[in-house]
Amino acid sequence: MPLYNICPLILQKIIWIPTRLSLKFFGHLEISGLENLDGIKANVIFACNHSSEMDPFFVPASLGFFSKFSPMFYTSREKAFYVNCGWRQIFYGGLFFEMWGSYQVFPGLQDYGKGLANHIRIINDGGNVCIYPEGGTTKDGKLRPAKGGVAYLSEQTGRPIVPVSISGVFRISLKSFLLRRRHLAVHFSKPLYAKDLLLESNDYKSAAQVVMSMIENGLNLP
């Protein structure tokens, strides 16, 4: 196990029980589609919609305590990006994020390989990555167009993408959560492989949009 796995593994295990219990009790959390993970032998790329700062907690909390997909690694912006984010700048980006398992992406380089260098390394080391193809949180509750990074990651590493649909969390407040007014749900769809999405082309954005379509289908389940 790479040394950088140890701290995220410990921290994520410590909070698993309180997170799982609180999401179940206060958020009426429903989890579906776990059977779609049964045939996967190694690490994966989880691709989720992004509607809340709570989203990073959902995938680990929805998997088992002893899940083979633990620890989870995430994408984040550089620390300077959060400098005008109030109290968040204390925790967001930098060392604290890395301890949790969140590593910087390098946007604006017009080069997926350089922009996602940290996460390619993590996946090739056997780590599981959770990525948000929209590139940021939704402002209106609707899915945003996908960026191509998730398809590039899959193509470069050969690992499958598991679309994950998280619902019920958009604009959630602490009050509505504690008063149990929200019904949260997480759905895991069947894994997708870049070789099937890209075929003969290198159109990563179109391939990523197929992933987003799967996420949307999961959001519309009854």
Foldseek 3Di string as FASTA:
>chain_A
DDPLQPLLQVVLLVCLVVLLVLCCVLQVEDEAAPVLCVVDDAAAEEEEAAQDPCVVNPPSNNDDSPDRQPDEAEEFAALVVCPVVPPVSVQGHDDNNSSNRYDYADPPPPDLCRRCVVVLVQVLVRHYYYYYQQNDHDPPPDGHQGDLNVLVSLVSNVHWYKYKAKDFPHPDDPVSSNVSVTHIYIYTDHTDGSCVQQVPHPPSSSSVVVSVVVNVVVVPDD
